[in-house]
């Protein structure tokens, strides 16, 4: 796969604005849980670049390797708390919005688990990782192992 465009190679107000939004989110919501959500959304979207980045970031936040390995099967594992399950369910619902239409039951669970401010920050975080996935996939940002192989 050949990279189409390096979106970080030059100054761009749009990319800078996305980065500023990420900075805001990181101050509003549990960073460890947010990384778990970013990994799960990147799995759904199939973004190797973002999967690698957010797996590394999750490990730096103290996330466990086994939990990351089992993340795509979080419903079948008891390794995730109710708060994490709720965030993952909401993340999947918003990521697959064309199918889920953000179902009322999933929203009600999220609303009962998170404060309004947390739910807004989580939802913006989910929207952001979906945006980053689309940029990374669309412009074919390379996973670090792909860059090494190409060299």
N, C-alpha and C. Protein backbone atom coordinates (compact mmCIF):
# COMPACT_ATOMS: atom_id res chain seq x y z
N UNK A 1 0.84 -1.17 0.00
CA UNK A 1 0.00 0.00 0.00
C UNK A 1 0.89 1.24 0.00
N UNK A 2 0.62 2.14 -0.89
CA UNK A 2 1.40 3.37 -1.00
C UNK A 2 0.63 4.52 -0.36
N UNK A 3 1.33 5.27 0.50
CA UNK A 3 0.71 6.43 1.13
C UNK A 3 0.34 7.44 0.06
N UNK A 4 -0.86 7.98 0.15
CA UNK A 4 -1.33 8.95 -0.83
C UNK A 4 -0.92 10.37 -0.47
N UNK A 5 -1.03 10.70 0.78
CA UNK A 5 -0.75 12.06 1.24
C UNK A 5 -0.38 11.99 2.71
N UNK A 6 0.67 12.68 3.10
CA UNK A 6 1.05 12.76 4.51
C UNK A 6 0.36 13.98 5.10
N UNK A 7 -0.70 13.74 5.83
CA UNK A 7 -1.52 14.85 6.34
C UNK A 7 -0.81 15.64 7.44
N UNK A 8 0.31 15.13 7.93
CA UNK A 8 1.06 15.82 8.98
C UNK A 8 2.31 16.52 8.45
N UNK A 9 2.55 16.43 7.16
CA UNK A 9 3.80 16.95 6.58
C UNK A 9 3.84 18.47 6.50
N UNK A 10 2.72 19.10 6.44
CA UNK A 10 2.71 20.56 6.34
C UNK A 10 1.68 21.14 7.30
N UNK A 11 1.82 22.40 7.61
CA UNK A 11 0.88 23.07 8.50
C UNK A 11 -0.49 23.13 7.82
N UNK A 12 -1.51 22.71 8.55
CA UNK A 12 -2.86 22.71 8.02
C UNK A 12 -3.82 23.04 9.16
N UNK A 13 -4.62 24.08 9.01
CA UNK A 13 -5.53 24.52 10.07
C UNK A 13 -6.56 23.45 10.42
N UNK A 14 -7.01 22.71 9.43
CA UNK A 14 -7.99 21.65 9.70
C UNK A 14 -7.42 20.58 10.60
N UNK A 15 -6.23 20.09 10.28
CA UNK A 15 -5.58 19.07 11.11
C UNK A 15 -5.26 19.66 12.48
N UNK A 16 -4.78 20.89 12.52
CA UNK A 16 -4.49 21.54 13.80
C UNK A 16 -5.75 21.64 14.66
N UNK A 17 -6.90 21.88 14.04
CA UNK A 17 -8.16 21.96 14.79
C UNK A 17 -8.56 20.60 15.34
N UNK A 18 -8.34 19.55 14.57
CA UNK A 18 -8.62 18.20 15.08
C UNK A 18 -7.73 17.88 16.27
N UNK A 19 -6.46 18.25 16.18
CA UNK A 19 -5.53 18.02 17.28
C UNK A 19 -5.95 18.82 18.52
N UNK A 20 -6.41 20.04 18.31
CA UNK A 20 -6.90 20.86 19.44
C UNK A 20 -8.12 20.22 20.09
N UNK A 21 -9.00 19.65 19.29
CA UNK A 21 -10.17 18.96 19.84
C UNK A 21 -9.73 17.76 20.67
N UNK A 22 -8.73 17.02 20.21
CA UNK A 22 -8.20 15.88 20.95
C UNK A 22 -7.63 16.33 22.30
N UNK A 23 -6.96 17.46 22.31
CA UNK A 23 -6.40 18.00 23.55
C UNK A 23 -7.52 18.31 24.53
N UNK A 24 -8.59 18.92 24.05
CA UNK A 24 -9.74 19.22 24.90
C UNK A 24 -10.34 17.94 25.47
N UNK A 25 -10.58 16.94 24.62
CA UNK A 25 -11.19 15.69 25.05
C UNK A 25 -10.35 15.04 26.15
N UNK A 26 -9.03 15.05 25.97
CA UNK A 26 -8.14 14.38 26.93
C UNK A 26 -8.24 15.00 28.33
N UNK A 27 -8.73 16.22 28.42
CA UNK A 27 -8.89 16.88 29.71
C UNK A 27 -10.28 16.66 30.30
N UNK A 28 -11.19 16.10 29.50
CA UNK A 28 -12.59 15.97 29.91
C UNK A 28 -12.99 14.55 30.26
N UNK A 29 -12.25 13.57 29.80
CA UNK A 29 -12.69 12.18 29.91
C UNK A 29 -11.53 11.28 30.29
N UNK A 30 -11.81 10.21 30.99
CA UNK A 30 -10.82 9.23 31.43
C UNK A 30 -9.93 8.79 30.26
N UNK A 31 -8.64 9.15 30.26
CA UNK A 31 -7.79 8.86 29.11
C UNK A 31 -7.58 7.37 28.85
N UNK A 32 -7.54 6.56 29.89
CA UNK A 32 -7.36 5.11 29.70
C UNK A 32 -8.59 4.50 29.01
N UNK A 33 -9.76 4.88 29.47
CA UNK A 33 -10.99 4.38 28.85
C UNK A 33 -11.13 4.92 27.43
N UNK A 34 -10.75 6.16 27.22
CA UNK A 34 -10.83 6.73 25.87
C UNK A 34 -9.92 5.97 24.90
N UNK A 35 -8.73 5.57 25.34
CA UNK A 35 -7.84 4.79 24.47
C UNK A 35 -8.45 3.43 24.14
N UNK A 36 -9.11 2.82 25.11
CA UNK A 36 -9.78 1.54 24.86
C UNK A 36 -10.84 1.71 23.78
N UNK A 37 -11.61 2.78 23.88
CA UNK A 37 -12.64 3.10 22.89
C UNK A 37 -12.00 3.34 21.52
N UNK A 38 -10.89 4.08 21.48
CA UNK A 38 -10.22 4.37 20.21
C UNK A 38 -9.71 3.10 19.55
N UNK A 39 -9.19 2.18 20.34
CA UNK A 39 -8.74 0.90 19.77
C UNK A 39 -9.94 0.15 19.20
N UNK A 40 -11.03 0.09 19.95
CA UNK A 40 -12.21 -0.67 19.48
C UNK A 40 -12.79 -0.06 18.20
N UNK A 41 -12.91 1.25 18.15
CA UNK A 41 -13.44 1.89 16.94
C UNK A 41 -12.49 1.65 15.77
N UNK A 42 -11.21 1.71 16.00
CA UNK A 42 -10.24 1.47 14.92
C UNK A 42 -10.29 0.02 14.45
N UNK A 43 -10.60 -0.91 15.35
CA UNK A 43 -10.81 -2.30 14.93
C UNK A 43 -12.00 -2.39 13.99
N UNK A 44 -13.10 -1.77 14.38
CA UNK A 44 -14.32 -1.81 13.56
C UNK A 44 -14.05 -1.22 12.18
N UNK A 45 -13.35 -0.10 12.14
CA UNK A 45 -13.09 0.59 10.88
C UNK A 45 -11.93 -0.01 10.09
N UNK A 46 -11.15 -0.87 10.70
CA UNK A 46 -10.04 -1.51 9.99
C UNK A 46 -8.87 -0.58 9.71
N UNK A 47 -8.55 0.28 10.66
CA UNK A 47 -7.46 1.24 10.47
C UNK A 47 -6.19 0.77 11.18
N UNK A 48 -5.28 0.19 10.41
CA UNK A 48 -4.03 -0.34 10.98
C UNK A 48 -3.20 0.76 11.64
N UNK A 49 -3.11 1.90 10.98
CA UNK A 49 -2.32 3.02 11.52
C UNK A 49 -2.83 3.42 12.91
N UNK A 50 -4.13 3.61 13.03
CA UNK A 50 -4.72 4.05 14.30
C UNK A 50 -4.71 2.93 15.34
N UNK A 51 -4.90 1.69 14.90
CA UNK A 51 -4.82 0.56 15.82
C UNK A 51 -3.46 0.51 16.49
N UNK A 52 -2.42 0.66 15.69
CA UNK A 52 -1.06 0.62 16.24
C UNK A 52 -0.85 1.77 17.23
N UNK A 53 -1.21 2.96 16.82
CA UNK A 53 -0.99 4.14 17.65
C UNK A 53 -1.75 4.04 18.98
N UNK A 54 -3.03 3.69 18.92
CA UNK A 54 -3.85 3.71 20.13
C UNK A 54 -3.60 2.48 21.01
N UNK A 55 -3.14 1.39 20.44
CA UNK A 55 -2.70 0.26 21.26
C UNK A 55 -1.50 0.69 22.09
N UNK A 56 -0.54 1.35 21.45
CA UNK A 56 0.64 1.84 22.16
C UNK A 56 0.24 2.85 23.24
N UNK A 57 -0.65 3.77 22.89
CA UNK A 57 -1.10 4.78 23.86
C UNK A 57 -1.85 4.12 25.03
N UNK A 58 -2.65 3.10 24.74
CA UNK A 58 -3.38 2.40 25.80
C UNK A 58 -2.39 1.70 26.75
N UNK A 59 -1.37 1.09 26.20
CA UNK A 59 -0.36 0.45 27.05
C UNK A 59 0.33 1.48 27.93
N UNK A 60 0.62 2.65 27.38
CA UNK A 60 1.24 3.73 28.18
C UNK A 60 0.31 4.20 29.30
N UNK A 61 -1.00 4.09 29.09
CA UNK A 61 -1.98 4.48 30.11
C UNK A 61 -2.17 3.39 31.15
N UNK A 62 -1.46 2.26 30.98
CA UNK A 62 -1.55 1.17 31.94
C UNK A 62 -2.52 0.07 31.55
N UNK A 63 -2.98 0.12 30.31
CA UNK A 63 -3.90 -0.92 29.84
C UNK A 63 -3.17 -2.26 29.76
N UNK A 64 -3.91 -3.32 29.92
CA UNK A 64 -3.38 -4.68 29.93
C UNK A 64 -3.39 -5.28 28.52
N UNK A 65 -2.32 -5.95 28.16
CA UNK A 65 -2.19 -6.56 26.82
C UNK A 65 -3.31 -7.58 26.55
N UNK A 66 -3.67 -8.35 27.54
CA UNK A 66 -4.72 -9.37 27.35
C UNK A 66 -6.06 -8.70 27.06
N UNK A 67 -6.37 -7.63 27.77
CA UNK A 67 -7.63 -6.92 27.52
C UNK A 67 -7.65 -6.32 26.12
N UNK A 68 -6.51 -5.84 25.65
CA UNK A 68 -6.44 -5.32 24.28
C UNK A 68 -6.63 -6.43 23.27
N UNK A 69 -6.04 -7.59 23.55
CA UNK A 69 -6.16 -8.71 22.63
C UNK A 69 -7.61 -9.19 22.53
N UNK A 70 -8.34 -9.13 23.63
CA UNK A 70 -9.72 -9.63 23.66
C UNK A 70 -10.76 -8.56 23.36
N UNK A 71 -10.32 -7.35 23.06
CA UNK A 71 -11.24 -6.23 22.94
C UNK A 71 -12.35 -6.45 21.91
N UNK A 72 -12.05 -7.07 20.80
CA UNK A 72 -13.10 -7.27 19.80
C UNK A 72 -14.18 -8.25 20.28
N UNK A 73 -13.89 -8.97 21.36
CA UNK A 73 -14.86 -9.91 21.95
C UNK A 73 -15.22 -9.46 23.37
N UNK A 74 -15.29 -8.16 23.61
CA UNK A 74 -15.53 -7.64 24.96
C UNK A 74 -16.83 -8.13 25.57
N UNK A 75 -17.81 -8.42 24.77
CA UNK A 75 -19.10 -8.89 25.30
C UNK A 75 -18.97 -10.28 25.93
N UNK A 76 -18.03 -11.06 25.44
CA UNK A 76 -17.86 -12.44 25.93
C UNK A 76 -16.85 -12.54 27.06
N UNK A 77 -16.27 -11.44 27.47
CA UNK A 77 -15.23 -11.47 28.49
C UNK A 77 -15.68 -10.72 29.74
N UNK A 78 -15.26 -11.22 30.89
CA UNK A 78 -15.56 -10.55 32.16
C UNK A 78 -14.45 -9.59 32.56
N UNK A 79 -13.51 -9.32 31.67
CA UNK A 79 -12.38 -8.46 31.98
C UNK A 79 -12.71 -6.97 31.96
N UNK A 80 -13.89 -6.62 31.48
CA UNK A 80 -14.26 -5.22 31.30
C UNK A 80 -15.34 -4.82 32.31
N UNK A 81 -15.16 -3.65 32.91
CA UNK A 81 -16.12 -3.16 33.90
C UNK A 81 -17.42 -2.74 33.21
N UNK A 82 -18.45 -2.51 34.01
CA UNK A 82 -19.72 -2.04 33.45
C UNK A 82 -19.56 -0.69 32.77
N UNK A 83 -18.76 0.18 33.36
CA UNK A 83 -18.50 1.50 32.76
C UNK A 83 -17.81 1.34 31.41
N UNK A 84 -16.83 0.45 31.32
CA UNK A 84 -16.14 0.20 30.05
C UNK A 84 -17.09 -0.41 29.03
N UNK A 85 -17.92 -1.35 29.47
CA UNK A 85 -18.89 -1.98 28.56
C UNK A 85 -19.86 -0.95 27.99
N UNK A 86 -20.29 -0.05 28.83
CA UNK A 86 -21.21 1.00 28.38
C UNK A 86 -20.53 1.90 27.36
N UNK A 87 -19.30 2.31 27.63
CA UNK A 87 -18.56 3.16 26.69
C UNK A 87 -18.32 2.43 25.37
N UNK A 88 -17.97 1.16 25.45
CA UNK A 88 -17.73 0.38 24.22
C UNK A 88 -19.02 0.20 23.43
N UNK A 89 -20.12 -0.06 24.12
CA UNK A 89 -21.41 -0.19 23.44
C UNK A 89 -21.82 1.10 22.74
N UNK A 90 -21.62 2.23 23.42
CA UNK A 90 -21.94 3.53 22.82
C UNK A 90 -21.02 3.81 21.64
N UNK A 91 -19.75 3.47 21.79
CA UNK A 91 -18.79 3.67 20.70
C UNK A 91 -19.17 2.85 19.47
N UNK A 92 -19.55 1.61 19.68
CA UNK A 92 -19.96 0.77 18.55
C UNK A 92 -21.23 1.31 17.91
N UNK A 93 -22.16 1.77 18.73
CA UNK A 93 -23.42 2.30 18.20
C UNK A 93 -23.19 3.55 17.34
N UNK A 94 -22.34 4.46 17.81
CA UNK A 94 -22.07 5.67 17.03
C UNK A 94 -21.21 5.37 15.81
N UNK A 95 -20.30 4.42 15.92
CA UNK A 95 -19.45 4.07 14.78
C UNK A 95 -20.27 3.40 13.68
N UNK A 96 -21.22 2.59 14.08
CA UNK A 96 -22.08 1.88 13.12
C UNK A 96 -23.45 2.56 13.02
N UNK A 97 -23.45 3.85 13.00
CA UNK A 97 -24.69 4.62 13.13
C UNK A 97 -25.68 4.36 12.01
N UNK A 98 -25.20 4.04 10.81
CA UNK A 98 -26.11 3.74 9.70
C UNK A 98 -26.94 2.49 10.01
N UNK A 99 -26.38 1.58 10.79
CA UNK A 99 -27.10 0.36 11.17
C UNK A 99 -27.86 0.55 12.48
N UNK A 100 -27.21 1.18 13.45
CA UNK A 100 -27.76 1.24 14.81
C UNK A 100 -28.72 2.40 15.05
N UNK A 101 -28.51 3.50 14.33
CA UNK A 101 -29.27 4.73 14.55
C UNK A 101 -29.20 5.18 16.02
N UNK A 102 -28.06 4.86 16.67
CA UNK A 102 -27.86 5.22 18.09
C UNK A 102 -29.09 4.82 18.90
N UNK A 103 -29.31 3.53 18.99
CA UNK A 103 -30.51 2.96 19.62
C UNK A 103 -30.78 3.56 21.00
N UNK A 104 -32.05 3.74 21.30
CA UNK A 104 -32.46 4.32 22.58
C UNK A 104 -31.92 3.54 23.77
N UNK A 105 -31.94 2.23 23.71
CA UNK A 105 -31.48 1.41 24.83
C UNK A 105 -29.99 1.65 25.11
N UNK A 106 -29.21 1.76 24.07
CA UNK A 106 -27.77 2.00 24.23
C UNK A 106 -27.54 3.40 24.79
N UNK A 107 -28.29 4.37 24.30
CA UNK A 107 -28.18 5.74 24.81
C UNK A 107 -28.58 5.81 26.28
N UNK A 108 -29.69 5.18 26.63
CA UNK A 108 -30.16 5.22 28.02
C UNK A 108 -29.13 4.62 28.96
N UNK A 109 -28.48 3.56 28.55
CA UNK A 109 -27.42 2.97 29.37
C UNK A 109 -26.26 3.94 29.53
N UNK A 110 -25.87 4.58 28.42
CA UNK A 110 -24.77 5.56 28.47
C UNK A 110 -25.15 6.74 29.36
N UNK A 111 -26.38 7.20 29.22
CA UNK A 111 -26.87 8.34 30.00
C UNK A 111 -26.91 8.02 31.50
N UNK A 112 -27.21 6.77 31.84
CA UNK A 112 -27.27 6.40 33.25
C UNK A 112 -25.88 6.12 33.83
N UNK A 113 -24.90 5.93 32.99
CA UNK A 113 -23.54 5.62 33.45
C UNK A 113 -22.65 6.85 33.53
N UNK A 114 -22.80 7.76 32.58
CA UNK A 114 -21.93 8.92 32.49
C UNK A 114 -22.70 10.20 32.77
N UNK A 115 -22.01 11.19 33.33
CA UNK A 115 -22.62 12.51 33.48
C UNK A 115 -22.84 13.09 32.08
N UNK A 116 -23.64 14.13 31.99
CA UNK A 116 -23.87 14.75 30.68
C UNK A 116 -22.56 15.24 30.07
N UNK A 117 -21.72 15.87 30.88
CA UNK A 117 -20.43 16.34 30.36
C UNK A 117 -19.55 15.19 29.89
N UNK A 118 -19.53 14.10 30.65
CA UNK A 118 -18.74 12.93 30.24
C UNK A 118 -19.29 12.33 28.95
N UNK A 119 -20.60 12.25 28.85
CA UNK A 119 -21.21 11.66 27.66
C UNK A 119 -20.94 12.51 26.42
N UNK A 120 -20.95 13.81 26.58
CA UNK A 120 -20.61 14.69 25.46
C UNK A 120 -19.15 14.48 25.06
N UNK A 121 -18.25 14.48 26.05
CA UNK A 121 -16.82 14.29 25.75
C UNK A 121 -16.56 12.93 25.12
N UNK A 122 -17.18 11.88 25.66
CA UNK A 122 -17.03 10.55 25.08
C UNK A 122 -17.53 10.51 23.65
N UNK A 123 -18.67 11.10 23.41
CA UNK A 123 -19.26 11.12 22.06
C UNK A 123 -18.39 11.89 21.08
N UNK A 124 -17.84 13.00 21.52
CA UNK A 124 -16.92 13.75 20.66
C UNK A 124 -15.66 12.93 20.41
N UNK A 125 -15.17 12.24 21.44
CA UNK A 125 -14.02 11.37 21.27
C UNK A 125 -14.27 10.27 20.26
N UNK A 126 -15.45 9.70 20.30
CA UNK A 126 -15.83 8.65 19.33
C UNK A 126 -15.90 9.25 17.93
N UNK A 127 -16.51 10.41 17.81
CA UNK A 127 -16.57 11.08 16.50
C UNK A 127 -15.17 11.38 15.98
N UNK A 128 -14.27 11.80 16.87
CA UNK A 128 -12.91 12.15 16.47
C UNK A 128 -12.14 10.93 15.96
N UNK A 129 -12.22 9.80 16.67
CA UNK A 129 -11.46 8.64 16.21
C UNK A 129 -12.04 8.13 14.90
N UNK A 130 -13.35 8.25 14.72
CA UNK A 130 -13.93 7.90 13.42
C UNK A 130 -13.39 8.82 12.33
N UNK A 131 -13.26 10.11 12.63
CA UNK A 131 -12.69 11.05 11.65
C UNK A 131 -11.24 10.70 11.34
N UNK A 132 -10.44 10.45 12.37
CA UNK A 132 -9.03 10.09 12.16
C UNK A 132 -8.91 8.80 11.36
N UNK A 133 -9.76 7.81 11.66
CA UNK A 133 -9.74 6.55 10.90
C UNK A 133 -9.99 6.81 9.42
N UNK A 134 -10.95 7.66 9.13
CA UNK A 134 -11.28 7.94 7.74
C UNK A 134 -10.15 8.68 7.03
N UNK A 135 -9.51 9.60 7.73
CA UNK A 135 -8.36 10.30 7.14
C UNK A 135 -7.20 9.33 6.93
N UNK A 136 -6.90 8.52 7.93
CA UNK A 136 -5.77 7.60 7.83
C UNK A 136 -5.99 6.56 6.73
N UNK A 137 -7.19 6.01 6.66
CA UNK A 137 -7.48 5.02 5.62
C UNK A 137 -7.54 5.68 4.25
N UNK A 138 -8.21 6.81 4.16
CA UNK A 138 -8.35 7.51 2.88
C UNK A 138 -7.03 7.94 2.28
N UNK A 139 -6.11 8.40 3.13
CA UNK A 139 -4.81 8.85 2.64
C UNK A 139 -3.73 7.77 2.76
N UNK A 140 -4.17 6.56 3.18
CA UNK A 140 -3.28 5.40 3.27
C UNK A 140 -2.06 5.65 4.16
N UNK A 141 -2.32 6.25 5.34
CA UNK A 141 -1.22 6.42 6.29
C UNK A 141 -0.70 5.04 6.66
N UNK A 142 0.57 4.89 6.65
CA UNK A 142 1.15 3.57 6.83
C UNK A 142 1.37 3.22 8.30
N UNK A 143 1.13 1.97 8.58
CA UNK A 143 1.45 1.38 9.88
C UNK A 143 2.98 1.32 9.97
N UNK A 144 3.57 1.52 11.13
CA UNK A 144 5.05 1.51 11.23
C UNK A 144 5.71 0.25 10.67
N UNK A 145 5.09 -0.90 10.80
CA UNK A 145 5.69 -2.12 10.23
C UNK A 145 5.70 -2.07 8.72
N UNK A 146 4.67 -1.46 8.12
CA UNK A 146 4.64 -1.29 6.66
C UNK A 146 5.76 -0.36 6.19
N UNK A 147 6.02 0.70 6.96
CA UNK A 147 7.10 1.63 6.61
C UNK A 147 8.44 0.93 6.66
N UNK A 148 8.65 0.09 7.68
CA UNK A 148 9.93 -0.65 7.79
C UNK A 148 10.08 -1.61 6.63
N UNK A 149 9.00 -2.29 6.27
CA UNK A 149 9.05 -3.26 5.19
C UNK A 149 9.35 -2.59 3.85
N UNK A 150 8.75 -1.40 3.64
CA UNK A 150 8.96 -0.66 2.39
C UNK A 150 10.39 -0.16 2.26
N UNK A 151 11.01 0.13 3.42
CA UNK A 151 12.39 0.62 3.40
C UNK A 151 13.32 -0.52 3.07
